[in-house]
Amino acid sequence: MRSGLVAALMGVGGIFAAFGVTVLIITIFSRMNHWLQVPTEMSVGTLTVVIGGAMMVAGYLLNRIGRRSNDTAAI
């Protein structure tokens, strides 16, 4: 059960982080055009990167915590 939850957390977290980085890159390039929504785009991109990173860290820690030393299948 834990490995499915870990995979889901890390997978969705990776998608969120990639989406957030994409939004930030688009925002940086659109800043040259003086769009009015730059602060909103920056906050959404930053929040998405932070949430994705937190989900990835939570998945990694959940995978590492509680593992027995003789459990080689989880590596």
PDB file of N, CA and C in Angstrom:
ATOM      1  N   MET A   1       0.824  -1.194   0.000  1.00  0.00           N
ATOM      2  CA  MET A   1       0.000   0.000   0.000  1.00  0.00           C
ATOM      3  C   MET A   1       0.863   1.251   0.000  1.00  0.00           C
ATOM      4  N   ARG A   2       1.966   1.198   0.756  1.00  0.00           N
ATOM      5  CA  ARG A   2       2.800   2.386   0.862  1.00  0.00           C
ATOM      6  C   ARG A   2       3.467   2.712  -0.463  1.00  0.00           C
ATOM      7  N   SER A   3       3.904   1.698  -1.203  1.00  0.00           N
ATOM      8  CA  SER A   3       4.612   1.994  -2.445  1.00  0.00           C
ATOM      9  C   SER A   3       3.695   2.657  -3.472  1.00  0.00           C
ATOM     10  N   GLY A   4       2.412   2.311  -3.480  1.00  0.00           N
ATOM     11  CA  GLY A   4       1.474   2.974  -4.382  1.00  0.00           C
ATOM     12  C   GLY A   4       1.264   4.420  -4.007  1.00  0.00           C
ATOM     13  N   LEU A   5       1.165   4.698  -2.717  1.00  0.00           N
ATOM     14  CA  LEU A   5       1.005   6.064  -2.245  1.00  0.00           C
ATOM     15  C   LEU A   5       2.264   6.876  -2.511  1.00  0.00           C
ATOM     16  N   VAL A   6       3.408   6.268  -2.303  1.00  0.00           N
ATOM     17  CA  VAL A   6       4.678   6.948  -2.566  1.00  0.00           C
ATOM     18  C   VAL A   6       4.800   7.282  -4.044  1.00  0.00           C
ATOM     19  N   ALA A   7       4.466   6.325  -4.900  1.00  0.00           N
ATOM     20  CA  ALA A   7       4.548   6.569  -6.339  1.00  0.00           C
ATOM     21  C   ALA A   7       3.581   7.659  -6.771  1.00  0.00           C
ATOM     22  N   ALA A   8       2.387   7.664  -6.193  1.00  0.00           N
ATOM     23  CA  ALA A   8       1.400   8.686  -6.545  1.00  0.00           C
ATOM     24  C   ALA A   8       1.857  10.067  -6.081  1.00  0.00           C
ATOM     25  N   LEU A   9       2.363  10.161  -4.856  1.00  0.00           N
ATOM     26  CA  LEU A   9       2.829  11.450  -4.352  1.00  0.00           C
ATOM     27  C   LEU A   9       3.983  11.988  -5.182  1.00  0.00           C
ATOM     28  N   MET A  10       4.941  11.134  -5.488  1.00  0.00           N
ATOM     29  CA  MET A  10       6.100  11.599  -6.236  1.00  0.00           C
ATOM     30  C   MET A  10       5.740  11.890  -7.689  1.00  0.00           C
ATOM     31  N   GLY A  11       4.852  11.112  -8.264  1.00  0.00           N
ATOM     32  CA  GLY A  11       4.451  11.345  -9.647  1.00  0.00           C
ATOM     33  C   GLY A  11       3.667  12.629  -9.816  1.00  0.00           C
ATOM     34  N   VAL A  12       2.651  12.817  -8.988  1.00  0.00           N
ATOM     35  CA  VAL A  12       1.845  14.037  -9.065  1.00  0.00           C
ATOM     36  C   VAL A  12       2.681  15.247  -8.659  1.00  0.00           C
ATOM     37  N   GLY A  13       3.550  15.072  -7.674  1.00  0.00           N
ATOM     38  CA  GLY A  13       4.440  16.166  -7.281  1.00  0.00           C
ATOM     39  C   GLY A  13       5.370  16.574  -8.411  1.00  0.00           C
ATOM     40  N   GLY A  14       5.879  15.605  -9.147  1.00  0.00           N
ATOM     41  CA  GLY A  14       6.733  15.910 -10.297  1.00  0.00           C
ATOM     42  C   GLY A  14       5.975  16.645 -11.392  1.00  0.00           C
ATOM     43  N   ILE A  15       4.726  16.252 -11.610  1.00  0.00           N
ATOM     44  CA  ILE A  15       3.899  16.941 -12.606  1.00  0.00           C
ATOM     45  C   ILE A  15       3.641  18.377 -12.178  1.00  0.00           C
ATOM     46  N   PHE A  16       3.304  18.578 -10.906  1.00  0.00           N
ATOM     47  CA  PHE A  16       3.064  19.932 -10.405  1.00  0.00           C
ATOM     48  C   PHE A  16       4.324  20.793 -10.516  1.00  0.00           C
ATOM     49  N   ALA A  17       5.459  20.229 -10.148  1.00  0.00           N
ATOM     50  CA  ALA A  17       6.708  20.992 -10.208  1.00  0.00           C
ATOM     51  C   ALA A  17       7.050  21.363 -11.651  1.00  0.00           C
ATOM     52  N   ALA A  18       6.877  20.430 -12.576  1.00  0.00           N
ATOM     53  CA  ALA A  18       7.160  20.721 -13.977  1.00  0.00           C
ATOM     54  C   ALA A  18       6.208  21.777 -14.525  1.00  0.00           C
ATOM     55  N   PHE A  19       4.940  21.693 -14.149  1.00  0.00           N
ATOM     56  CA  PHE A  19       3.969  22.693 -14.590  1.00  0.00           C
ATOM     57  C   PHE A  19       4.317  24.065 -14.027  1.00  0.00           C
ATOM     58  N   GLY A  20       4.713  24.114 -12.759  1.00  0.00           N
ATOM     59  CA  GLY A  20       5.079  25.381 -12.147  1.00  0.00           C
ATOM     60  C   GLY A  20       6.290  26.017 -12.801  1.00  0.00           C
ATOM     61  N   VAL A  21       7.285  25.204 -13.121  1.00  0.00           N
ATOM     62  CA  VAL A  21       8.470  25.729 -13.802  1.00  0.00           C
ATOM     63  C   VAL A  21       8.095  26.238 -15.190  1.00  0.00           C
ATOM     64  N   THR A  22       7.209  25.538 -15.878  1.00  0.00           N
ATOM     65  CA  THR A  22       6.749  25.986 -17.186  1.00  0.00           C
ATOM     66  C   THR A  22       6.041  27.330 -17.090  1.00  0.00           C
ATOM     67  N   VAL A  23       5.179  27.489 -16.090  1.00  0.00           N
ATOM     68  CA  VAL A  23       4.472  28.756 -15.901  1.00  0.00           C
ATOM     69  C   VAL A  23       5.465  29.875 -15.600  1.00  0.00           C
ATOM     70  N   LEU A  24       6.461  29.601 -14.774  1.00  0.00           N
ATOM     71  CA  LEU A  24       7.455  30.627 -14.455  1.00  0.00           C
ATOM     72  C   LEU A  24       8.278  31.029 -15.680  1.00  0.00           C
ATOM     73  N   ILE A  25       8.646  30.068 -16.513  1.00  0.00           N
ATOM     74  CA  ILE A  25       9.407  30.387 -17.720  1.00  0.00           C
ATOM     75  C   ILE A  25       8.565  31.221 -18.678  1.00  0.00           C
ATOM     76  N   ILE A  26       7.303  30.842 -18.855  1.00  0.00           N
ATOM     77  CA  ILE A  26       6.420  31.623 -19.724  1.00  0.00           C
ATOM     78  C   ILE A  26       6.242  33.028 -19.164  1.00  0.00           C
ATOM     79  N   THR A  27       6.141  33.145 -17.848  1.00  0.00           N
ATOM     80  CA  THR A  27       5.981  34.460 -17.231  1.00  0.00           C
ATOM     81  C   THR A  27       7.216  35.336 -17.432  1.00  0.00           C
ATOM     82  N   ILE A  28       8.393  34.735 -17.312  1.00  0.00           N
ATOM     83  CA  ILE A  28       9.625  35.506 -17.512  1.00  0.00           C
ATOM     84  C   ILE A  28       9.688  36.039 -18.934  1.00  0.00           C
ATOM     85  N   PHE A  29       9.329  35.209 -19.912  1.00  0.00           N
ATOM     86  CA  PHE A  29       9.375  35.678 -21.290  1.00  0.00           C
ATOM     87  C   PHE A  29       8.240  36.635 -21.616  1.00  0.00           C
ATOM     88  N   SER A  30       7.108  36.514 -20.932  1.00  0.00           N
ATOM     89  CA  SER A  30       5.996  37.427 -21.204  1.00  0.00           C
ATOM     90  C   SER A  30       6.186  38.761 -20.487  1.00  0.00           C
ATOM     91  N   ARG A  31       7.082  38.819 -19.523  1.00  0.00           N
ATOM     92  CA  ARG A  31       7.351  40.082 -18.826  1.00  0.00           C
ATOM     93  C   ARG A  31       7.871  41.130 -19.807  1.00  0.00           C
ATOM     94  N   MET A  32       8.520  40.694 -20.848  1.00  0.00           N
ATOM     95  CA  MET A  32       9.035  41.621 -21.845  1.00  0.00           C
ATOM     96  C   MET A  32       7.896  42.331 -22.585  1.00  0.00           C
ATOM     97  N   ASN A  33       6.718  41.718 -22.624  1.00  0.00           N
ATOM     98  CA  ASN A  33       5.573  42.313 -23.307  1.00  0.00           C
ATOM     99  C   ASN A  33       4.716  43.152 -22.377  1.00  0.00           C
ATOM    100  N   HIS A  34       5.085  43.262 -21.114  1.00  0.00           N
ATOM    101  CA  HIS A  34       4.377  44.069 -20.120  1.00  0.00           C
ATOM    102  C   HIS A  34       2.914  43.646 -19.949  1.00  0.00           C
ATOM    103  N   TRP A  35       2.707  42.359 -19.767  1.00  0.00           N
ATOM    104  CA  TRP A  35       1.352  41.890 -19.505  1.00  0.00           C
ATOM    105  C   TRP A  35       0.939  42.337 -18.118  1.00  0.00           C
ATOM    106  N   LEU A  36      -0.328  42.520 -17.907  1.00  0.00           N
ATOM    107  CA  LEU A  36      -0.821  43.007 -16.619  1.00  0.00           C
ATOM    108  C   LEU A  36      -0.940  41.914 -15.573  1.00  0.00           C
ATOM    109  N   GLN A  37      -0.911  40.659 -15.973  1.00  0.00           N
ATOM    110  CA  GLN A  37      -1.154  39.561 -15.049  1.00  0.00           C
ATOM    111  C   GLN A  37       0.129  38.898 -14.557  1.00  0.00           C
ATOM    112  N   VAL A  38       1.245  39.561 -14.674  1.00  0.00           N
ATOM    113  CA  VAL A  38       2.528  38.967 -14.288  1.00  0.00           C
ATOM    114  C   VAL A  38       2.578  38.612 -12.806  1.00  0.00           C
ATOM    115  N   PRO A  39       2.131  39.467 -11.862  1.00  0.00           N
ATOM    116  CA  PRO A  39       2.193  39.061 -10.451  1.00  0.00           C
ATOM    117  C   PRO A  39       1.351  37.825 -10.143  1.00  0.00           C
ATOM    118  N   THR A  40       0.195  37.722 -10.768  1.00  0.00           N
ATOM    119  CA  THR A  40      -0.655  36.544 -10.550  1.00  0.00           C
ATOM    120  C   THR A  40       0.011  35.301 -11.118  1.00  0.00           C
ATOM    121  N   GLU A  41       0.581  35.411 -12.293  1.00  0.00           N
ATOM    122  CA  GLU A  41       1.253  34.262 -12.899  1.00  0.00           C
ATOM    123  C   GLU A  41       2.470  33.836 -12.080  1.00  0.00           C
ATOM    124  N   MET A  42       3.208  34.790 -11.569  1.00  0.00           N
ATOM    125  CA  MET A  42       4.380  34.454 -10.754  1.00  0.00           C
ATOM    126  C   MET A  42       3.974  33.749  -9.466  1.00  0.00           C
ATOM    127  N   SER A  43       2.900  34.217  -8.832  1.00  0.00           N
ATOM    128  CA  SER A  43       2.472  33.584  -7.584  1.00  0.00           C
ATOM    129  C   SER A  43       1.917  32.186  -7.835  1.00  0.00           C
ATOM    130  N   VAL A  44       1.181  32.004  -8.920  1.00  0.00           N
ATOM    131  CA  VAL A  44       0.651  30.673  -9.243  1.00  0.00           C
ATOM    132  C   VAL A  44       1.797  29.716  -9.577  1.00  0.00           C
ATOM    133  N   GLY A  45       2.756  30.173 -10.367  1.00  0.00           N
ATOM    134  CA  GLY A  45       3.898  29.325 -10.716  1.00  0.00           C
ATOM    135  C   GLY A  45       4.723  28.944  -9.502  1.00  0.00           C
ATOM    136  N   THR A  46       4.979  29.911  -8.632  1.00  0.00           N
ATOM    137  CA  THR A  46       5.764  29.638  -7.430  1.00  0.00           C
ATOM    138  C   THR A  46       5.033  28.690  -6.492  1.00  0.00           C
ATOM    139  N   LEU A  47       3.741  28.917  -6.312  1.00  0.00           N
ATOM    140  CA  LEU A  47       2.945  28.049  -5.437  1.00  0.00           C
ATOM    141  C   LEU A  47       2.896  26.628  -5.981  1.00  0.00           C
ATOM    142  N   THR A  48       2.768  26.481  -7.286  1.00  0.00           N
ATOM    143  CA  THR A  48       2.720  25.148  -7.884  1.00  0.00           C
ATOM    144  C   THR A  48       4.052  24.424  -7.727  1.00  0.00           C
ATOM    145  N   VAL A  49       5.160  25.136  -7.883  1.00  0.00           N
ATOM    146  CA  VAL A  49       6.479  24.521  -7.679  1.00  0.00           C
ATOM    147  C   VAL A  49       6.647  24.097  -6.228  1.00  0.00           C
ATOM    148  N   VAL A  50       6.219  24.934  -5.294  1.00  0.00           N
ATOM    149  CA  VAL A  50       6.357  24.615  -3.873  1.00  0.00           C
ATOM    150  C   VAL A  50       5.492  23.409  -3.498  1.00  0.00           C
ATOM    151  N   ILE A  51       4.254  23.374  -3.967  1.00  0.00           N
ATOM    152  CA  ILE A  51       3.372  22.241  -3.663  1.00  0.00           C
ATOM    153  C   ILE A  51       3.921  20.958  -4.278  1.00  0.00           C
ATOM    154  N   GLY A  52       4.386  21.039  -5.528  1.00  0.00           N
ATOM    155  CA  GLY A  52       4.968  19.858  -6.168  1.00  0.00           C
ATOM    156  C   GLY A  52       6.204  19.359  -5.448  1.00  0.00           C
ATOM    157  N   GLY A  53       7.061  20.287  -5.040  1.00  0.00           N
ATOM    158  CA  GLY A  53       8.257  19.895  -4.292  1.00  0.00           C
ATOM    159  C   GLY A  53       7.915  19.278  -2.950  1.00  0.00           C
ATOM    160  N   ALA A  54       6.915  19.833  -2.275  1.00  0.00           N
ATOM    161  CA  ALA A  54       6.494  19.277  -0.983  1.00  0.00           C
ATOM    162  C   ALA A  54       5.923  17.874  -1.149  1.00  0.00           C
ATOM    163  N   MET A  55       5.174  17.655  -2.217  1.00  0.00           N
ATOM    164  CA  MET A  55       4.624  16.321  -2.452  1.00  0.00           C
ATOM    165  C   MET A  55       5.732  15.320  -2.768  1.00  0.00           C
ATOM    166  N   MET A  56       6.726  15.751  -3.522  1.00  0.00           N
ATOM    167  CA  MET A  56       7.837  14.849  -3.834  1.00  0.00           C
ATOM    168  C   MET A  56       8.638  14.515  -2.580  1.00  0.00           C
ATOM    169  N   VAL A  57       8.884  15.506  -1.739  1.00  0.00           N
ATOM    170  CA  VAL A  57       9.619  15.270  -0.491  1.00  0.00           C
ATOM    171  C   VAL A  57       8.813  14.365   0.434  1.00  0.00           C
ATOM    172  N   ALA A  58       7.490  14.590   0.509  1.00  0.00           N
ATOM    173  CA  ALA A  58       6.645  13.739   1.350  1.00  0.00           C
ATOM    174  C   ALA A  58       6.663  12.295   0.859  1.00  0.00           C
ATOM    175  N   GLY A  59       6.623  12.104  -0.445  1.00  0.00           N
ATOM    176  CA  GLY A  59       6.698  10.751  -0.995  1.00  0.00           C
ATOM    177  C   GLY A  59       8.029  10.090  -0.714  1.00  0.00           C
ATOM    178  N   TYR A  60       9.108  10.847  -0.858  1.00  0.00           N
ATOM    179  CA  TYR A  60      10.429  10.299  -0.579  1.00  0.00           C
ATOM    180  C   TYR A  60      10.567   9.921   0.894  1.00  0.00           C
ATOM    181  N   LEU A  61      10.134  10.821   1.781  1.00  0.00           N
ATOM    182  CA  LEU A  61      10.252  10.532   3.218  1.00  0.00           C
ATOM    183  C   LEU A  61       9.364   9.365   3.626  1.00  0.00           C
ATOM    184  N   LEU A  62       8.181   9.275   3.036  1.00  0.00           N
ATOM    185  CA  LEU A  62       7.304   8.148   3.344  1.00  0.00           C
ATOM    186  C   LEU A  62       7.926   6.840   2.880  1.00  0.00           C
ATOM    187  N   ASN A  63       8.660   6.895   1.795  1.00  0.00           N
ATOM    188  CA  ASN A  63       9.343   5.702   1.304  1.00  0.00           C
ATOM    189  C   ASN A  63      10.494   5.308   2.218  1.00  0.00           C
ATOM    190  N   ARG A  64      11.187   6.279   2.797  1.00  0.00           N
ATOM    191  CA  ARG A  64      12.357   5.995   3.622  1.00  0.00           C
ATOM    192  C   ARG A  64      12.015   5.658   5.072  1.00  0.00           C
ATOM    193  N   ILE A  65      10.942   6.246   5.598  1.00  0.00           N
ATOM    194  CA  ILE A  65      10.597   6.057   7.011  1.00  0.00           C
ATOM    195  C   ILE A  65       9.931   4.696   7.209  1.00  0.00           C
ATOM    196  N   GLY A  66      10.356   4.016   8.215  1.00  0.00           N
ATOM    197  CA  GLY A  66       9.724   2.756   8.581  1.00  0.00           C
ATOM    198  C   GLY A  66      10.194   1.562   7.794  1.00  0.00           C
ATOM    199  N   ARG A  67      11.240   1.701   7.030  1.00  0.00           N
ATOM    200  CA  ARG A  67      11.752   0.584   6.249  1.00  0.00           C
ATOM    201  C   ARG A  67      12.640  -0.286   7.138  1.00  0.00           C
ATOM    202  N   ARG A  68      12.443  -1.554   7.051  1.00  0.00           N
ATOM    203  CA  ARG A  68      13.296  -2.477   7.805  1.00  0.00           C
ATOM    204  C   ARG A  68      14.611  -2.644   7.081  1.00  0.00           C
ATOM    205  N   SER A  69      15.651  -3.010   7.818  1.00  0.00           N
ATOM    206  CA  SER A  69      16.974  -3.141   7.227  1.00  0.00           C
ATOM    207  C   SER A  69      17.074  -4.338   6.295  1.00  0.00           C
ATOM    208  N   ASN A  70      16.265  -5.399   6.517  1.00  0.00           N
ATOM    209  CA  ASN A  70      16.333  -6.574   5.661  1.00  0.00           C
ATOM    210  C   ASN A  70      15.324  -6.528   4.527  1.00  0.00           C
ATOM    211  N   ASP A  71      14.664  -5.410   4.318  1.00  0.00           N
ATOM    212  CA  ASP A  71      13.680  -5.270   3.253  1.00  0.00           C
ATOM    213  C   ASP A  71      14.376  -4.767   1.997  1.00  0.00           C
ATOM    214  N   THR A  72      14.831  -5.690   1.166  1.00  0.00           N
ATOM    215  CA  THR A  72      15.565  -5.315  -0.045  1.00  0.00           C
ATOM    216  C   THR A  72      14.642  -5.068  -1.229  1.00  0.00           C
ATOM    217  N   ALA A  73      13.398  -5.480  -1.160  1.00  0.00           N
ATOM    218  CA  ALA A  73      12.477  -5.298  -2.280  1.00  0.00           C
ATOM    219  C   ALA A  73      12.065  -3.836  -2.435  1.00  0.00           C
ATOM    220  N   ALA A  74      12.134  -3.049  -1.381  1.00  0.00           N
ATOM    221  CA  ALA A  74      11.679  -1.650  -1.431  1.00  0.00           C
ATOM    222  C   ALA A  74      12.755  -0.712  -1.956  1.00  0.00           C
ATOM    223  N   ILE A  75      13.944  -1.205  -2.186  1.00  0.00           N
ATOM    224  CA  ILE A  75      15.038  -0.341  -2.674  1.00  0.00           C
ATOM    225  C   ILE A  75      14.858  -0.104  -4.093  1.00  0.00           C
TER     226      ILE A  75
END
